[in-house]
C-alpha atoms as a PDB file:
ATOM      1  CA  MET A   1      10.153 -15.244   2.638  1.00  0.00           C
ATOM      2  CA  MET A   2      10.191 -12.412   5.181  1.00  0.00           C
ATOM      3  CA  ALA A   3      13.206 -10.139   5.094  1.00  0.00           C
ATOM      4  CA  ASP A   4      15.654 -10.320   8.018  1.00  0.00           C
ATOM      5  CA  ASN A   5      14.920  -6.740   9.012  1.00  0.00           C
ATOM      6  CA  VAL A   6      11.167  -7.361   9.352  1.00  0.00           C
ATOM      7  CA  GLU A   7       9.906  -8.802  12.618  1.00  0.00           C
ATOM      8  CA  GLY A   8       6.600 -10.644  12.625  1.00  0.00           C
ATOM      9  CA  GLY A   9       3.623 -10.034  14.870  1.00  0.00           C
ATOM     10  CA  ALA A  10       1.730  -6.907  15.706  1.00  0.00           C
ATOM     11  CA  GLN A  11       3.267  -5.020  18.607  1.00  0.00           C
ATOM     12  CA  GLY A  12       4.110  -8.029  20.742  1.00  0.00           C
ATOM     13  CA  ASN A  13       4.210  -8.028  24.536  1.00  0.00           C
ATOM     14  CA  ASP A  14       7.417  -6.074  24.893  1.00  0.00           C
ATOM     15  CA  LYS A  15       6.665  -2.881  26.808  1.00  0.00           C
ATOM     16  CA  ASP A  16       9.786  -1.334  25.313  1.00  0.00           C
ATOM     17  CA  ALA A  17       7.971  -1.352  21.969  1.00  0.00           C
ATOM     18  CA  GLU A  18       5.917   1.602  23.204  1.00  0.00           C
ATOM     19  CA  ASN A  19       9.050   3.743  23.067  1.00  0.00           C
ATOM     20  CA  ILE A  20       9.867   2.778  19.488  1.00  0.00           C
ATOM     21  CA  PRO A  21       8.785   5.382  16.890  1.00  0.00           C
ATOM     22  CA  VAL A  22       5.694   4.714  14.797  1.00  0.00           C
ATOM     23  CA  LYS A  23       5.644   5.248  11.044  1.00  0.00           C
ATOM     24  CA  CYS A  24       2.514   4.996   8.910  1.00  0.00           C
ATOM     25  CA  VAL A  25       2.212   3.396   5.478  1.00  0.00           C
ATOM     26  CA  MET A  26      -1.116   3.964   3.732  1.00  0.00           C
ATOM     27  CA  PHE A  27      -2.263   1.843   0.806  1.00  0.00           C
ATOM     28  CA  GLY A  28      -4.526   3.656  -1.656  1.00  0.00           C
ATOM     29  CA  GLY A  29      -6.243   2.905  -4.926  1.00  0.00           C
ATOM     30  CA  GLU A  30      -9.572   1.794  -6.300  1.00  0.00           C
ATOM     31  CA  GLY A  31     -11.712  -0.698  -4.386  1.00  0.00           C
ATOM     32  CA  ALA A  32     -10.823  -3.604  -6.689  1.00  0.00           C
ATOM     33  CA  ALA A  33      -7.107  -2.860  -6.955  1.00  0.00           C
ATOM     34  CA  GLY A  34      -6.081  -5.900  -4.897  1.00  0.00           C
ATOM     35  CA  LYS A  35      -4.996  -4.167  -1.688  1.00  0.00           C
ATOM     36  CA  THR A  36      -6.885  -6.484   0.664  1.00  0.00           C
ATOM     37  CA  SER A  37      -5.354  -9.518  -1.046  1.00  0.00           C
ATOM     38  CA  MET A  38      -1.911  -8.025  -0.488  1.00  0.00           C
ATOM     39  CA  PHE A  39      -2.575  -7.556   3.229  1.00  0.00           C
ATOM     40  CA  ILE A  40      -3.885 -11.096   3.630  1.00  0.00           C
ATOM     41  CA  TYR A  41      -0.845 -12.493   1.847  1.00  0.00           C
ATOM     42  CA  TYR A  42       1.687 -10.378   3.736  1.00  0.00           C
ATOM     43  CA  PHE A  43       0.316 -10.735   7.246  1.00  0.00           C
ATOM     44  CA  HIS A  44      -1.016 -14.289   7.010  1.00  0.00           C
ATOM     45  CA  ASN A  45       0.893 -15.783   4.069  1.00  0.00           C
ATOM     46  CA  LYS A  46      -2.407 -16.753   2.497  1.00  0.00           C
ATOM     47  CA  ILE A  47      -4.016 -16.201  -0.873  1.00  0.00           C
ATOM     48  CA  LYS A  48      -7.312 -14.329  -0.646  1.00  0.00           C
ATOM     49  CA  PRO A  49     -10.398 -16.589  -0.725  1.00  0.00           C
ATOM     50  CA  GLU A  50     -13.040 -15.895  -3.344  1.00  0.00           C
ATOM     51  CA  TYR A  51     -14.988 -13.612  -1.019  1.00  0.00           C
ATOM     52  CA  VAL A  52     -13.728 -11.428   1.782  1.00  0.00           C
ATOM     53  CA  PRO A  53     -16.188  -9.109   3.554  1.00  0.00           C
ATOM     54  CA  PRO A  54     -15.286  -5.406   3.430  1.00  0.00           C
ATOM     55  CA  LYS A  55     -12.962  -4.158   6.175  1.00  0.00           C
ATOM     56  CA  VAL A  56     -11.804  -7.576   7.334  1.00  0.00           C
ATOM     57  CA  GLU A  57      -9.343  -7.708  10.212  1.00  0.00           C
ATOM     58  CA  THR A  58      -6.472  -8.138   7.785  1.00  0.00           C
ATOM     59  CA  ASP A  59      -6.629  -4.645   6.331  1.00  0.00           C
ATOM     60  CA  ASN A  60      -4.156  -3.157   8.778  1.00  0.00           C
ATOM     61  CA  GLY A  61      -1.387  -4.246  11.082  1.00  0.00           C
ATOM     62  CA  ILE A  62       1.868  -3.341  12.766  1.00  0.00           C
ATOM     63  CA  LYS A  63       5.292  -4.870  12.238  1.00  0.00           C
ATOM     64  CA  MET A  64       8.640  -4.023  13.712  1.00  0.00           C
ATOM     65  CA  TYR A  65      11.192  -2.978  11.123  1.00  0.00           C
ATOM     66  CA  THR A  66      14.906  -2.203  11.227  1.00  0.00           C
ATOM     67  CA  TYR A  67      16.167   0.364   8.745  1.00  0.00           C
ATOM     68  CA  LYS A  68      18.933  -1.046   6.554  1.00  0.00           C
ATOM     69  CA  GLU A  69      20.825   2.249   6.424  1.00  0.00           C
ATOM     70  CA  THR A  70      20.849   3.193  10.110  1.00  0.00           C
ATOM     71  CA  GLY A  71      19.900   0.059  12.060  1.00  0.00           C
ATOM     72  CA  GLU A  72      17.164   2.039  13.831  1.00  0.00           C
ATOM     73  CA  LYS A  73      14.056   0.125  14.852  1.00  0.00           C
ATOM     74  CA  VAL A  74      10.601   1.495  14.086  1.00  0.00           C
ATOM     75  CA  ARG A  75       7.041   0.269  14.277  1.00  0.00           C
ATOM     76  CA  ILE A  76       5.428   0.328  10.847  1.00  0.00           C
ATOM     77  CA  TYR A  77       1.655   0.674  10.849  1.00  0.00           C
ATOM     78  CA  TYR A  78       0.196  -0.462   7.536  1.00  0.00           C
ATOM     79  CA  ASP A  79      -3.341   0.637   6.698  1.00  0.00           C
ATOM     80  CA  ASP A  80      -5.689   0.210   3.763  1.00  0.00           C
ATOM     81  CA  HIS A  81      -8.593   2.598   3.304  1.00  0.00           C
ATOM     82  CA  GLU A  82     -11.016   1.292   0.719  1.00  0.00           C
ATOM     83  CA  GLY A  83     -11.700   3.095  -2.543  1.00  0.00           C
ATOM     84  CA  GLY A  84     -15.120   4.545  -1.924  1.00  0.00           C
ATOM     85  CA  GLY A  85     -14.850   7.337  -4.486  1.00  0.00           C
ATOM     86  CA  GLU A  86     -14.809  11.052  -3.875  1.00  0.00           C
ATOM     87  CA  ASP A  87     -17.751  10.785  -1.461  1.00  0.00           C
ATOM     88  CA  TRP A  88     -15.325   9.414   1.135  1.00  0.00           C
ATOM     89  CA  ASP A  89     -12.870  12.313   0.906  1.00  0.00           C
ATOM     90  CA  SER A  90     -14.175  13.969   4.073  1.00  0.00           C
ATOM     91  CA  LEU A  91     -13.149  10.903   6.115  1.00  0.00           C
ATOM     92  CA  ARG A  92     -10.336   9.385   4.077  1.00  0.00           C
ATOM     93  CA  HIS A  93      -8.042  12.379   4.357  1.00  0.00           C
ATOM     94  CA  LEU A  94      -7.715  11.933   8.142  1.00  0.00           C
ATOM     95  CA  GLY A  95      -5.708   8.761   7.679  1.00  0.00           C
ATOM     96  CA  TYR A  96      -3.606  10.125   4.840  1.00  0.00           C
ATOM     97  CA  GLU A  97      -2.549  13.173   6.828  1.00  0.00           C
ATOM     98  CA  ARG A  98      -0.705  10.802   9.170  1.00  0.00           C
ATOM     99  CA  ALA A  99       0.964   8.803   6.398  1.00  0.00           C
ATOM    100  CA  HIS A 100       4.735   8.903   5.952  1.00  0.00           C
ATOM    101  CA  VAL A 101       4.492   6.733   2.846  1.00  0.00           C
ATOM    102  CA  VAL A 102       1.603   6.099   0.471  1.00  0.00           C
ATOM    103  CA  VAL A 103       1.511   3.017  -1.743  1.00  0.00           C
ATOM    104  CA  LEU A 104      -0.853   3.637  -4.661  1.00  0.00           C
ATOM    105  CA  CYS A 105      -2.107   0.375  -6.157  1.00  0.00           C
ATOM    106  CA  PHE A 106      -3.776  -0.357  -9.468  1.00  0.00           C
ATOM    107  CA  SER A 107      -4.859  -3.568 -11.151  1.00  0.00           C
ATOM    108  CA  ILE A 108      -3.370  -4.246 -14.561  1.00  0.00           C
ATOM    109  CA  TYR A 109      -6.744  -5.718 -15.535  1.00  0.00           C
ATOM    110  CA  THR A 110      -8.030  -2.363 -16.698  1.00  0.00           C
ATOM    111  CA  THR A 111      -6.378   0.789 -17.988  1.00  0.00           C
ATOM    112  CA  ASP A 112      -9.108   2.756 -16.198  1.00  0.00           C
ATOM    113  CA  ASN A 113      -7.562   1.688 -12.888  1.00  0.00           C
ATOM    114  CA  LEU A 114      -4.238   3.201 -13.909  1.00  0.00           C
ATOM    115  CA  GLU A 115      -5.848   6.403 -15.180  1.00  0.00           C
ATOM    116  CA  ARG A 116      -7.516   6.890 -11.795  1.00  0.00           C
ATOM    117  CA  ILE A 117      -4.073   7.021 -10.212  1.00  0.00           C
ATOM    118  CA  GLU A 118      -3.224  10.151 -12.185  1.00  0.00           C
ATOM    119  CA  ASP A 119      -6.686  11.725 -12.264  1.00  0.00           C
ATOM    120  CA  TYR A 120      -7.755  11.177  -8.659  1.00  0.00           C
ATOM    121  CA  TRP A 121      -5.368   9.402  -6.293  1.00  0.00           C
ATOM    122  CA  TYR A 122      -2.188  11.360  -6.961  1.00  0.00           C
ATOM    123  CA  PRO A 123      -3.883  14.776  -6.593  1.00  0.00           C
ATOM    124  CA  PHE A 124      -5.584  13.497  -3.429  1.00  0.00           C
ATOM    125  CA  VAL A 125      -2.304  12.373  -1.891  1.00  0.00           C
ATOM    126  CA  LYS A 126      -0.526  15.615  -2.784  1.00  0.00           C
ATOM    127  CA  LYS A 127      -3.326  17.561  -1.134  1.00  0.00           C
ATOM    128  CA  TYR A 128      -3.563  15.629   2.121  1.00  0.00           C
ATOM    129  CA  ALA A 129      -0.123  14.004   2.412  1.00  0.00           C
ATOM    130  CA  PRO A 130       2.195  16.436   0.596  1.00  0.00           C
ATOM    131  CA  LYS A 131       5.324  15.318   2.484  1.00  0.00           C
ATOM    132  CA  ALA A 132       4.743  11.580   2.131  1.00  0.00           C
ATOM    133  CA  LYS A 133       6.823   9.422  -0.180  1.00  0.00           C
ATOM    134  CA  ILE A 134       4.812   7.668  -2.916  1.00  0.00           C
ATOM    135  CA  LEU A 135       5.270   4.151  -4.245  1.00  0.00           C
ATOM    136  CA  LEU A 136       3.293   2.817  -7.214  1.00  0.00           C
ATOM    137  CA  CYS A 137       2.315  -0.844  -7.343  1.00  0.00           C
ATOM    138  CA  ALA A 138       0.732  -2.854 -10.153  1.00  0.00           C
ATOM    139  CA  THR A 139      -1.269  -5.870  -8.972  1.00  0.00           C
ATOM    140  CA  GLN A 140      -2.592  -9.064 -10.572  1.00  0.00           C
ATOM    141  CA  ILE A 141       0.370  -9.390 -12.933  1.00  0.00           C
ATOM    142  CA  ASP A 142      -0.374 -13.120 -13.241  1.00  0.00           C
ATOM    143  CA  LEU A 143      -3.083 -12.067 -15.723  1.00  0.00           C
ATOM    144  CA  ARG A 144      -0.375 -11.412 -18.297  1.00  0.00           C
ATOM    145  CA  THR A 145      -0.001 -15.161 -18.738  1.00  0.00           C
ATOM    146  CA  ASN A 146      -3.753 -15.835 -18.731  1.00  0.00           C
ATOM    147  CA  GLN A 147      -4.636 -16.006 -22.409  1.00  0.00           C
ATOM    148  CA  GLU A 148      -8.320 -16.553 -21.664  1.00  0.00           C
ATOM    149  CA  GLU A 149      -8.548 -13.232 -19.826  1.00  0.00           C
ATOM    150  CA  ILE A 150      -6.494 -11.485 -22.498  1.00  0.00           C
ATOM    151  CA  ASP A 151      -8.829 -12.740 -25.220  1.00  0.00           C
ATOM    152  CA  ALA A 152     -11.908 -11.757 -23.217  1.00  0.00           C
ATOM    153  CA  LEU A 153     -10.620  -8.208 -22.842  1.00  0.00           C
ATOM    154  CA  ALA A 154      -9.773  -8.013 -26.539  1.00  0.00           C
ATOM    155  CA  ARG A 155     -13.358  -8.872 -27.446  1.00  0.00           C
ATOM    156  CA  HIS A 156     -14.374  -5.665 -25.660  1.00  0.00           C
ATOM    157  CA  ASN A 157     -11.541  -3.620 -27.182  1.00  0.00           C
ATOM    158  CA  GLU A 158      -9.733  -3.597 -23.850  1.00  0.00           C
ATOM    159  CA  ARG A 159      -6.302  -4.788 -22.749  1.00  0.00           C
ATOM    160  CA  LEU A 160      -4.000  -5.239 -19.790  1.00  0.00           C
ATOM    161  CA  VAL A 161      -1.725  -2.474 -18.541  1.00  0.00           C
ATOM    162  CA  THR A 162       1.896  -3.005 -19.563  1.00  0.00           C
ATOM    163  CA  THR A 163       4.977  -2.684 -17.367  1.00  0.00           C
ATOM    164  CA  ILE A 164       6.159   0.242 -19.487  1.00  0.00           C
ATOM    165  CA  GLU A 165       2.885   2.097 -18.863  1.00  0.00           C
ATOM    166  CA  GLY A 166       3.208   1.479 -15.144  1.00  0.00           C
ATOM    167  CA  LYS A 167       6.748   2.828 -15.056  1.00  0.00           C
ATOM    168  CA  GLN A 168       5.710   5.873 -17.076  1.00  0.00           C
ATOM    169  CA  MET A 169       2.957   6.605 -14.563  1.00  0.00           C
ATOM    170  CA  ALA A 170       5.431   6.225 -11.705  1.00  0.00           C
ATOM    171  CA  GLU A 171       7.575   8.909 -13.324  1.00  0.00           C
ATOM    172  CA  LYS A 172       4.553  11.174 -13.837  1.00  0.00           C
ATOM    173  CA  ILE A 173       3.553  11.066 -10.181  1.00  0.00           C
ATOM    174  CA  LYS A 174       7.178  11.247  -8.991  1.00  0.00           C
ATOM    175  CA  ALA A 175       6.977   7.910  -7.190  1.00  0.00           C
ATOM    176  CA  VAL A 176      10.148   6.826  -5.402  1.00  0.00           C
ATOM    177  CA  GLY A 177       9.622   3.273  -6.614  1.00  0.00           C
ATOM    178  CA  TYR A 178       7.578   1.130  -8.989  1.00  0.00           C
ATOM    179  CA  PHE A 179       6.615  -2.450  -8.158  1.00  0.00           C
ATOM    180  CA  GLU A 180       4.569  -5.247  -9.666  1.00  0.00           C
ATOM    181  CA  CYS A 181       3.091  -8.139  -7.716  1.00  0.00           C
ATOM    182  CA  SER A 182       0.750 -11.107  -7.763  1.00  0.00           C
ATOM    183  CA  THR A 183      -0.767 -12.589  -4.621  1.00  0.00           C
ATOM    184  CA  HIS A 184      -1.985 -15.504  -6.728  1.00  0.00           C
ATOM    185  CA  GLU A 185       1.583 -16.465  -7.590  1.00  0.00           C
ATOM    186  CA  GLY A 186       3.156 -15.034  -4.457  1.00  0.00           C
ATOM    187  CA  LYS A 187       5.385 -12.679  -6.412  1.00  0.00           C
ATOM    188  CA  GLY A 188       6.602  -9.282  -5.290  1.00  0.00           C
ATOM    189  CA  VAL A 189       4.218  -8.706  -2.368  1.00  0.00           C
ATOM    190  CA  ASN A 190       6.759  -8.824   0.459  1.00  0.00           C
ATOM    191  CA  GLU A 191       9.067  -6.573  -1.545  1.00  0.00           C
ATOM    192  CA  VAL A 192       6.367  -3.883  -1.735  1.00  0.00           C
ATOM    193  CA  PHE A 193       5.820  -3.839   2.031  1.00  0.00           C
ATOM    194  CA  GLU A 194       9.547  -3.832   2.768  1.00  0.00           C
ATOM    195  CA  ALA A 195      10.234  -1.004   0.307  1.00  0.00           C
ATOM    196  CA  ALA A 196       7.408   1.009   1.851  1.00  0.00           C
ATOM    197  CA  ALA A 197       8.837   0.453   5.327  1.00  0.00           C
ATOM    198  CA  GLU A 198      12.308   1.524   4.204  1.00  0.00           C
ATOM    199  CA  ALA A 199      10.860   4.640   2.540  1.00  0.00           C
ATOM    200  CA  THR A 200       9.376   5.828   5.857  1.00  0.00           C
ATOM    201  CA  MET A 201      12.893   6.765   6.958  1.00  0.00           C
ATOM    202  CA  HIS A 202      12.733   9.796   4.654  1.00  0.00           C
ATOM    203  CA  GLY A 203       8.967  10.285   4.338  1.00  0.00           C
ATOM    204  CA  LYS A 204       7.269  12.864   6.526  1.00  0.00           C
ATOM    205  CA  SER A 205       3.714  13.020   7.797  1.00  0.00           C
ATOM    206  CA  LYS A 206       1.538  16.116   7.553  1.00  0.00           C
ATOM    207  CA  ASP A 207       0.482  15.358  11.127  1.00  0.00           C
ATOM    208  CA  ASP A 208       3.787  14.245  12.665  1.00  0.00           C
ATOM    209  CA  LYS A 209       2.794  15.647  16.067  1.00  0.00           C
ATOM    210  CA  TYR A 210       0.233  12.845  16.231  1.00  0.00           C
ATOM    211  CA  PHE A 211       3.055  10.325  16.632  1.00  0.00           C
ATOM    212  CA  GLU A 212       4.491  12.197  19.606  1.00  0.00           C
ATOM    213  CA  ARG A 213       1.374  11.468  21.664  1.00  0.00           C
ATOM    214  CA  LYS A 214       1.016   8.510  24.013  1.00  0.00           C
ATOM    215  CA  ASP A 215      -2.021   7.186  22.107  1.00  0.00           C
ATOM    216  CA  ASN A 216      -0.117   6.831  18.828  1.00  0.00           C
ATOM    217  CA  LYS A 217      -0.867   3.126  18.358  1.00  0.00           C
ATOM    218  CA  MET A 218      -2.190   3.604  14.850  1.00  0.00           C
ATOM    219  CA  CYS A 219      -2.583   6.162  12.113  1.00  0.00           C
ATOM    220  CA  SER A 220      -6.086   5.078  11.141  1.00  0.00           C
ATOM    221  CA  MET A 221      -8.792   7.647  10.527  1.00  0.00           C
ATOM    222  CA  MET A 222     -11.027   5.834  13.019  1.00  0.00           C
END
């Protein structure tokens, strides 16, 4: 269920919306971390089909949001730049420089996904979005009740990431919040987006002057 302080739709037809401040929330993490599934679920209330082409139309969007603390309305632009590895750094940083909040996602399916948060994504965010607030989000938590997957991982001397490990990583990277979600079960996804929106009230963008321009409809790198 959508929170009362989140208004559906993109920007709507209200011309007054153009005068409402824009805040940017960037979702980061490896290519298979479940970010696209989260966007599809949040914006369309749907579970991701088996195959979704890269960069589908559901990987970004704008929602109106009212801060709980102040009652101020803002436009939250959510964006998801795919993993892509270090080769994409020269382009990826353009979007992150405009982010007020960064949500770093990892799949609990592999501990490697979590390690990449500390080894690559956190240093990247601190370099290009040093003033942004960081949230950490574990995805695919429904796997914890899937004994078949657990057994399959065990046969390869692998295991799922635990909640404790996720919280420890959140402390390491100084995240302002730690969340776990499952688009398959519809758990925790809306809470992640709402927490990210609320965090933009205190997060600052490296390129805040960008949002003072008339063409500030999005914080995408494109």
